[in-house]
Amino acid sequence: MKLFHLLLNIIWLVFCGIWMAIGYLIAAIICFILIITIPFGVASLRIAGFVLWPFGRTTVEKPDAGAGSFIGNVIWVIFAGWWLALAHLATSIPLFLSIIGIPFGWANLKLIPISLMPLGREVVPSDSGFAGR
């Protein structure tokens, strides 16, 4: 299974992973420049790593996430999340148009929730392929 994840991650990296990770890195840099939004920048970097190499990993809710994460996610959606979600949607369309890209298009769509609500979540290994939860 690890070899299969490696193969999927390499194909993903070539077709859309690197571009999406760059989008998250740009969001992180903007958040770090604005200083008060540094927690958003850290979350964006965490997601960039996940978007770069998603197969064999998933995200789960942190048990200690509370109202602060919810409020932060609302702010994130307004300023950066919807742009990144649209980028995932736009990237998935050409993948769906090719036969080999259909699984990667679905994987891209599965990343939209984490792009909209990144705070209060963590990336963990998964035995059930991509986004097993």
N, C-alpha and C. Protein backbone atom coordinates (compact mmCIF):
# COMPACT_ATOMS: atom_id res chain seq x y z
N MET A 1 0.82 -1.20 0.00
CA MET A 1 0.00 0.00 0.00
C MET A 1 0.87 1.26 0.00
N LYS A 2 2.00 1.22 0.69
CA LYS A 2 2.89 2.39 0.73
C LYS A 2 3.42 2.72 -0.66
N LEU A 3 3.74 1.68 -1.45
CA LEU A 3 4.22 1.91 -2.80
C LEU A 3 3.13 2.54 -3.67
N PHE A 4 1.90 2.10 -3.47
CA PHE A 4 0.76 2.66 -4.19
C PHE A 4 0.57 4.13 -3.83
N HIS A 5 0.68 4.47 -2.54
CA HIS A 5 0.57 5.87 -2.11
C HIS A 5 1.70 6.70 -2.70
N LEU A 6 2.89 6.14 -2.75
CA LEU A 6 4.02 6.85 -3.33
C LEU A 6 3.76 7.17 -4.80
N LEU A 7 3.28 6.18 -5.55
CA LEU A 7 2.97 6.39 -6.96
C LEU A 7 1.88 7.45 -7.15
N LEU A 8 0.81 7.36 -6.36
CA LEU A 8 -0.27 8.34 -6.44
C LEU A 8 0.22 9.74 -6.09
N ASN A 9 1.05 9.84 -5.05
CA ASN A 9 1.57 11.15 -4.64
C ASN A 9 2.48 11.76 -5.70
N ILE A 10 3.26 10.95 -6.38
CA ILE A 10 4.14 11.48 -7.44
C ILE A 10 3.30 12.00 -8.60
N ILE A 11 2.29 11.23 -9.01
CA ILE A 11 1.41 11.69 -10.10
C ILE A 11 0.67 12.95 -9.67
N TRP A 12 0.18 12.96 -8.44
CA TRP A 12 -0.53 14.13 -7.89
C TRP A 12 0.37 15.35 -7.91
N LEU A 13 1.61 15.18 -7.46
CA LEU A 13 2.56 16.28 -7.39
C LEU A 13 2.77 16.92 -8.76
N VAL A 14 2.88 16.11 -9.78
CA VAL A 14 3.12 16.61 -11.13
C VAL A 14 1.91 17.35 -11.68
N PHE A 15 0.72 16.79 -11.50
CA PHE A 15 -0.46 17.35 -12.15
C PHE A 15 -1.13 18.49 -11.39
N CYS A 16 -1.08 18.48 -10.07
CA CYS A 16 -1.74 19.59 -9.37
C CYS A 16 -1.17 19.89 -7.99
N GLY A 17 -0.44 19.01 -7.40
CA GLY A 17 0.04 19.22 -6.04
C GLY A 17 0.95 20.42 -5.87
N ILE A 18 1.89 20.57 -6.79
CA ILE A 18 2.84 21.66 -6.67
C ILE A 18 2.16 23.01 -6.82
N TRP A 19 1.19 23.11 -7.74
CA TRP A 19 0.51 24.38 -7.97
C TRP A 19 -0.37 24.77 -6.79
N MET A 20 -1.07 23.78 -6.24
CA MET A 20 -1.93 24.07 -5.09
C MET A 20 -1.08 24.42 -3.86
N ALA A 21 0.03 23.73 -3.69
CA ALA A 21 0.91 24.03 -2.55
C ALA A 21 1.46 25.45 -2.67
N ILE A 22 1.78 25.88 -3.87
CA ILE A 22 2.25 27.25 -4.08
C ILE A 22 1.17 28.25 -3.67
N GLY A 23 -0.09 27.95 -4.00
CA GLY A 23 -1.19 28.82 -3.57
C GLY A 23 -1.27 28.94 -2.06
N TYR A 24 -1.11 27.82 -1.36
CA TYR A 24 -1.13 27.86 0.10
C TYR A 24 0.10 28.58 0.65
N LEU A 25 1.24 28.43 -0.01
CA LEU A 25 2.44 29.15 0.44
C LEU A 25 2.28 30.65 0.27
N ILE A 26 1.66 31.09 -0.81
CA ILE A 26 1.39 32.52 -1.00
C ILE A 26 0.47 33.03 0.09
N ALA A 27 -0.57 32.26 0.41
CA ALA A 27 -1.48 32.65 1.49
C ALA A 27 -0.72 32.73 2.82
N ALA A 28 0.20 31.78 3.07
CA ALA A 28 0.98 31.79 4.30
C ALA A 28 1.88 33.01 4.38
N ILE A 29 2.53 33.35 3.29
CA ILE A 29 3.42 34.52 3.27
C ILE A 29 2.63 35.79 3.57
N ILE A 30 1.47 35.94 2.95
CA ILE A 30 0.63 37.11 3.22
C ILE A 30 0.23 37.15 4.69
N CYS A 31 -0.13 36.00 5.24
CA CYS A 31 -0.52 35.95 6.66
C CYS A 31 0.66 36.29 7.57
N PHE A 32 1.87 35.85 7.24
CA PHE A 32 3.04 36.17 8.06
C PHE A 32 3.39 37.64 7.97
N ILE A 33 3.22 38.24 6.81
CA ILE A 33 3.52 39.67 6.65
C ILE A 33 2.58 40.51 7.50
N LEU A 34 1.33 40.10 7.60
CA LEU A 34 0.34 40.88 8.36
C LEU A 34 0.46 40.69 9.88
N ILE A 35 1.37 39.88 10.34
CA ILE A 35 1.74 39.61 11.73
C ILE A 35 0.57 39.10 12.59
N ILE A 36 -0.53 39.80 12.65
CA ILE A 36 -1.64 39.37 13.51
C ILE A 36 -2.26 38.06 13.00
N THR A 37 -2.03 37.75 11.73
CA THR A 37 -2.60 36.55 11.15
C THR A 37 -1.59 35.39 11.06
N ILE A 38 -0.55 35.43 11.88
CA ILE A 38 0.46 34.37 11.88
C ILE A 38 -0.15 32.99 12.13
N PRO A 39 -1.13 32.82 13.04
CA PRO A 39 -1.74 31.48 13.19
C PRO A 39 -2.36 30.95 11.89
N PHE A 40 -2.90 31.85 11.08
CA PHE A 40 -3.44 31.45 9.79
C PHE A 40 -2.31 31.01 8.86
N GLY A 41 -1.18 31.68 8.93
CA GLY A 41 -0.03 31.32 8.12
C GLY A 41 0.50 29.93 8.48
N VAL A 42 0.53 29.63 9.77
CA VAL A 42 0.97 28.31 10.22
C VAL A 42 0.01 27.24 9.70
N ALA A 43 -1.30 27.50 9.80
CA ALA A 43 -2.30 26.55 9.29
C ALA A 43 -2.15 26.38 7.78
N SER A 44 -1.88 27.47 7.08
CA SER A 44 -1.72 27.40 5.63
C SER A 44 -0.50 26.57 5.25
N LEU A 45 0.59 26.70 5.99
CA LEU A 45 1.77 25.88 5.72
C LEU A 45 1.49 24.40 5.99
N ARG A 46 0.73 24.11 7.03
CA ARG A 46 0.36 22.73 7.34
C ARG A 46 -0.45 22.13 6.19
N ILE A 47 -1.38 22.90 5.66
CA ILE A 47 -2.20 22.42 4.55
C ILE A 47 -1.36 22.31 3.28
N ALA A 48 -0.41 23.21 3.09
CA ALA A 48 0.46 23.14 1.91
C ALA A 48 1.20 21.81 1.88
N GLY A 49 1.69 21.38 3.03
CA GLY A 49 2.36 20.08 3.10
C GLY A 49 1.42 18.93 2.81
N PHE A 50 0.19 19.06 3.28
CA PHE A 50 -0.81 18.02 3.05
C PHE A 50 -1.21 18.00 1.57
N VAL A 51 -1.39 19.15 0.97
CA VAL A 51 -1.79 19.24 -0.44
C VAL A 51 -0.66 18.76 -1.35
N LEU A 52 0.57 18.93 -0.91
CA LEU A 52 1.71 18.50 -1.70
C LEU A 52 1.82 16.98 -1.76
N TRP A 53 1.42 16.29 -0.69
CA TRP A 53 1.62 14.84 -0.56
C TRP A 53 0.42 14.25 0.19
N PRO A 54 -0.80 14.21 -0.40
CA PRO A 54 -2.00 13.87 0.36
C PRO A 54 -2.32 12.39 0.53
N PHE A 55 -1.87 11.55 -0.39
CA PHE A 55 -2.28 10.14 -0.33
C PHE A 55 -1.58 9.42 0.80
N GLY A 56 -2.36 8.69 1.58
CA GLY A 56 -1.85 8.01 2.76
C GLY A 56 -1.96 8.85 4.02
N ARG A 57 -2.57 10.03 3.90
CA ARG A 57 -2.79 10.90 5.06
C ARG A 57 -4.21 11.45 5.00
N THR A 58 -4.69 11.89 6.14
CA THR A 58 -6.01 12.51 6.22
C THR A 58 -5.98 13.57 7.31
N THR A 59 -7.06 14.29 7.46
CA THR A 59 -7.15 15.28 8.54
C THR A 59 -8.23 14.86 9.51
N VAL A 60 -8.00 15.18 10.76
CA VAL A 60 -8.97 14.92 11.82
C VAL A 60 -9.11 16.17 12.68
N GLU A 61 -10.22 16.27 13.36
CA GLU A 61 -10.42 17.40 14.26
C GLU A 61 -9.55 17.24 15.50
N LYS A 62 -8.97 18.34 15.93
CA LYS A 62 -8.20 18.33 17.17
C LYS A 62 -9.18 18.29 18.33
N PRO A 63 -8.91 17.48 19.34
CA PRO A 63 -9.85 17.40 20.46
C PRO A 63 -9.95 18.69 21.27
N ASP A 64 -8.91 19.51 21.25
CA ASP A 64 -8.92 20.73 22.04
C ASP A 64 -9.36 21.96 21.25
N ALA A 65 -9.83 21.76 20.01
CA ALA A 65 -10.30 22.90 19.20
C ALA A 65 -11.62 23.40 19.76
N GLY A 66 -11.71 24.70 19.89
CA GLY A 66 -12.93 25.27 20.47
C GLY A 66 -13.45 26.45 19.68
N ALA A 67 -13.98 27.40 20.40
CA ALA A 67 -14.60 28.57 19.79
C ALA A 67 -13.58 29.42 19.03
N GLY A 68 -12.35 29.46 19.51
CA GLY A 68 -11.32 30.23 18.82
C GLY A 68 -11.07 29.70 17.42
N SER A 69 -11.06 28.38 17.27
CA SER A 69 -10.89 27.79 15.94
C SER A 69 -12.07 28.12 15.04
N PHE A 70 -13.26 28.09 15.59
CA PHE A 70 -14.45 28.40 14.80
C PHE A 70 -14.40 29.86 14.31
N ILE A 71 -14.09 30.78 15.21
CA ILE A 71 -14.02 32.20 14.84
C ILE A 71 -12.90 32.41 13.82
N GLY A 72 -11.75 31.77 14.05
CA GLY A 72 -10.64 31.87 13.11
C GLY A 72 -11.00 31.32 11.73
N ASN A 73 -11.74 30.22 11.70
CA ASN A 73 -12.16 29.65 10.43
C ASN A 73 -13.11 30.57 9.67
N VAL A 74 -13.98 31.26 10.39
CA VAL A 74 -14.88 32.22 9.74
C VAL A 74 -14.06 33.34 9.09
N ILE A 75 -13.07 33.84 9.81
CA ILE A 75 -12.20 34.89 9.26
C ILE A 75 -11.42 34.34 8.07
N TRP A 76 -10.91 33.11 8.20
CA TRP A 76 -10.14 32.48 7.12
C TRP A 76 -10.98 32.34 5.86
N VAL A 77 -12.22 31.88 5.99
CA VAL A 77 -13.09 31.69 4.82
C VAL A 77 -13.28 33.01 4.09
N ILE A 78 -13.47 34.07 4.84
CA ILE A 78 -13.73 35.38 4.22
C ILE A 78 -12.52 35.88 3.43
N PHE A 79 -11.32 35.73 4.00
CA PHE A 79 -10.15 36.34 3.39
C PHE A 79 -9.32 35.43 2.49
N ALA A 80 -9.26 34.13 2.76
CA ALA A 80 -8.40 33.26 1.95
C ALA A 80 -9.05 31.95 1.55
N GLY A 81 -9.89 31.41 2.39
CA GLY A 81 -10.42 30.07 2.16
C GLY A 81 -11.20 29.91 0.88
N TRP A 82 -12.03 30.87 0.56
CA TRP A 82 -12.85 30.70 -0.63
C TRP A 82 -12.01 30.80 -1.90
N TRP A 83 -10.91 31.57 -1.86
CA TRP A 83 -10.02 31.62 -3.02
C TRP A 83 -9.36 30.25 -3.25
N LEU A 84 -8.91 29.65 -2.15
CA LEU A 84 -8.25 28.35 -2.26
C LEU A 84 -9.24 27.26 -2.65
N ALA A 85 -10.46 27.34 -2.13
CA ALA A 85 -11.50 26.37 -2.51
C ALA A 85 -11.81 26.50 -4.00
N LEU A 86 -11.88 27.72 -4.50
CA LEU A 86 -12.11 27.92 -5.94
C LEU A 86 -10.94 27.37 -6.76
N ALA A 87 -9.73 27.50 -6.25
CA ALA A 87 -8.57 26.96 -6.95
C ALA A 87 -8.65 25.43 -7.01
N HIS A 88 -9.09 24.80 -5.92
CA HIS A 88 -9.28 23.34 -5.94
C HIS A 88 -10.34 22.95 -6.97
N LEU A 89 -11.42 23.69 -7.00
CA LEU A 89 -12.50 23.41 -7.95
C LEU A 89 -12.00 23.59 -9.39
N ALA A 90 -11.31 24.69 -9.65
CA ALA A 90 -10.79 24.95 -11.00
C ALA A 90 -9.75 23.91 -11.41
N THR A 91 -8.96 23.43 -10.48
CA THR A 91 -7.95 22.42 -10.79
C THR A 91 -8.60 21.06 -11.05
N SER A 92 -9.71 20.80 -10.38
CA SER A 92 -10.35 19.49 -10.55
C SER A 92 -11.03 19.36 -11.91
N ILE A 93 -11.47 20.44 -12.51
CA ILE A 93 -12.21 20.37 -13.78
C ILE A 93 -11.37 19.74 -14.90
N PRO A 94 -10.14 20.22 -15.17
CA PRO A 94 -9.37 19.54 -16.23
C PRO A 94 -9.00 18.10 -15.87
N LEU A 95 -8.86 17.82 -14.56
CA LEU A 95 -8.57 16.45 -14.17
C LEU A 95 -9.75 15.53 -14.48
N PHE A 96 -10.96 16.02 -14.25
CA PHE A 96 -12.15 15.23 -14.56
C PHE A 96 -12.30 15.01 -16.07
N LEU A 97 -11.82 15.93 -16.88
CA LEU A 97 -11.96 15.81 -18.32
C LEU A 97 -11.06 14.73 -18.92
N SER A 98 -10.04 14.34 -18.17
CA SER A 98 -9.20 13.24 -18.64
C SER A 98 -9.57 11.98 -17.87
N ILE A 99 -9.46 10.84 -18.50
CA ILE A 99 -9.85 9.60 -17.84
C ILE A 99 -8.93 9.28 -16.67
N ILE A 100 -7.64 9.41 -16.87
CA ILE A 100 -6.69 9.07 -15.80
C ILE A 100 -6.76 10.06 -14.64
N GLY A 101 -7.24 11.27 -14.89
CA GLY A 101 -7.27 12.29 -13.85
C GLY A 101 -8.50 12.27 -12.96
N ILE A 102 -9.49 11.42 -13.26
CA ILE A 102 -10.74 11.43 -12.48
C ILE A 102 -10.49 11.18 -10.99
N PRO A 103 -9.68 10.19 -10.58
CA PRO A 103 -9.44 10.02 -9.15
C PRO A 103 -8.76 11.24 -8.51
N PHE A 104 -7.92 11.90 -9.27
CA PHE A 104 -7.24 13.08 -8.75
C PHE A 104 -8.20 14.27 -8.68
N GLY A 105 -9.15 14.33 -9.58
CA GLY A 105 -10.20 15.35 -9.49
C GLY A 105 -11.02 15.18 -8.23
N TRP A 106 -11.38 13.93 -7.92
CA TRP A 106 -12.13 13.67 -6.67
C TRP A 106 -11.28 14.03 -5.46
N ALA A 107 -10.00 13.68 -5.51
CA ALA A 107 -9.11 14.02 -4.39
C ALA A 107 -9.04 15.53 -4.20
N ASN A 108 -9.03 16.26 -5.29
CA ASN A 108 -8.99 17.72 -5.22
C ASN A 108 -10.27 18.26 -4.58
N LEU A 109 -11.40 17.68 -4.94
CA LEU A 109 -12.66 18.12 -4.33
C LEU A 109 -12.71 17.78 -2.84
N LYS A 110 -12.08 16.68 -2.44
CA LYS A 110 -12.06 16.31 -1.03
C LYS A 110 -11.19 17.26 -0.19
N LEU A 111 -10.35 18.03 -0.85
CA LEU A 111 -9.51 19.00 -0.14
C LEU A 111 -10.22 20.32 0.11
N ILE A 112 -11.36 20.52 -0.50
CA ILE A 112 -12.08 21.79 -0.33
C ILE A 112 -12.48 22.05 1.12
N PRO A 113 -13.01 21.07 1.87
CA PRO A 113 -13.37 21.38 3.27
C PRO A 113 -12.19 21.85 4.11
N ILE A 114 -11.02 21.25 3.95
CA ILE A 114 -9.86 21.68 4.73
C ILE A 114 -9.37 23.05 4.27
N SER A 115 -9.57 23.37 2.98
CA SER A 115 -9.18 24.69 2.52
C SER A 115 -10.10 25.77 3.06
N LEU A 116 -11.33 25.40 3.37
CA LEU A 116 -12.28 26.37 3.92
C LEU A 116 -12.18 26.50 5.44
N MET A 117 -11.89 25.40 6.13
CA MET A 117 -11.86 25.40 7.60
C MET A 117 -10.60 24.69 8.11
N PRO A 118 -9.42 25.34 8.03
CA PRO A 118 -8.18 24.66 8.40
C PRO A 118 -7.86 24.63 9.89
N LEU A 119 -8.39 25.59 10.63
CA LEU A 119 -8.04 25.67 12.05
C LEU A 119 -8.81 24.62 12.85
N GLY A 120 -8.13 24.03 13.82
CA GLY A 120 -8.75 23.00 14.64
C GLY A 120 -8.66 21.63 14.00
N ARG A 121 -7.82 21.47 13.01
CA ARG A 121 -7.63 20.18 12.33
C ARG A 121 -6.14 19.86 12.30
N GLU A 122 -5.84 18.57 12.23
CA GLU A 122 -4.45 18.16 12.10
C GLU A 122 -4.34 17.05 11.06
N VAL A 123 -3.18 16.95 10.43
CA VAL A 123 -2.92 15.94 9.41
C VAL A 123 -2.32 14.72 10.10
N VAL A 124 -2.91 13.54 9.82
CA VAL A 124 -2.46 12.29 10.42
C VAL A 124 -2.32 11.22 9.33
N PRO A 125 -1.48 10.20 9.59
CA PRO A 125 -1.39 9.09 8.63
C PRO A 125 -2.73 8.35 8.55
N SER A 126 -2.98 7.78 7.37
CA SER A 126 -4.23 7.05 7.15
C SER A 126 -3.91 5.73 6.47
N ASP A 127 -4.62 4.69 6.88
CA ASP A 127 -4.45 3.39 6.23
C ASP A 127 -5.47 3.16 5.13
N SER A 128 -6.42 4.08 4.99
CA SER A 128 -7.52 3.86 4.05
C SER A 128 -7.42 4.72 2.80
N GLY A 129 -6.22 4.97 2.32
CA GLY A 129 -6.07 5.75 1.10
C GLY A 129 -6.18 7.23 1.38
N PHE A 130 -6.79 7.94 0.45
CA PHE A 130 -6.90 9.39 0.58
C PHE A 130 -8.18 9.77 1.29
N ALA A 131 -8.07 10.61 2.29
CA ALA A 131 -9.24 11.17 3.00
C ALA A 131 -10.20 10.08 3.41
N GLY A 132 -9.70 9.13 4.20
CA GLY A 132 -10.51 8.00 4.63
C GLY A 132 -11.67 8.38 5.53
N ARG A 133 -11.63 9.54 6.11
CA ARG A 133 -12.72 9.96 7.00
C ARG A 133 -13.67 10.83 6.26
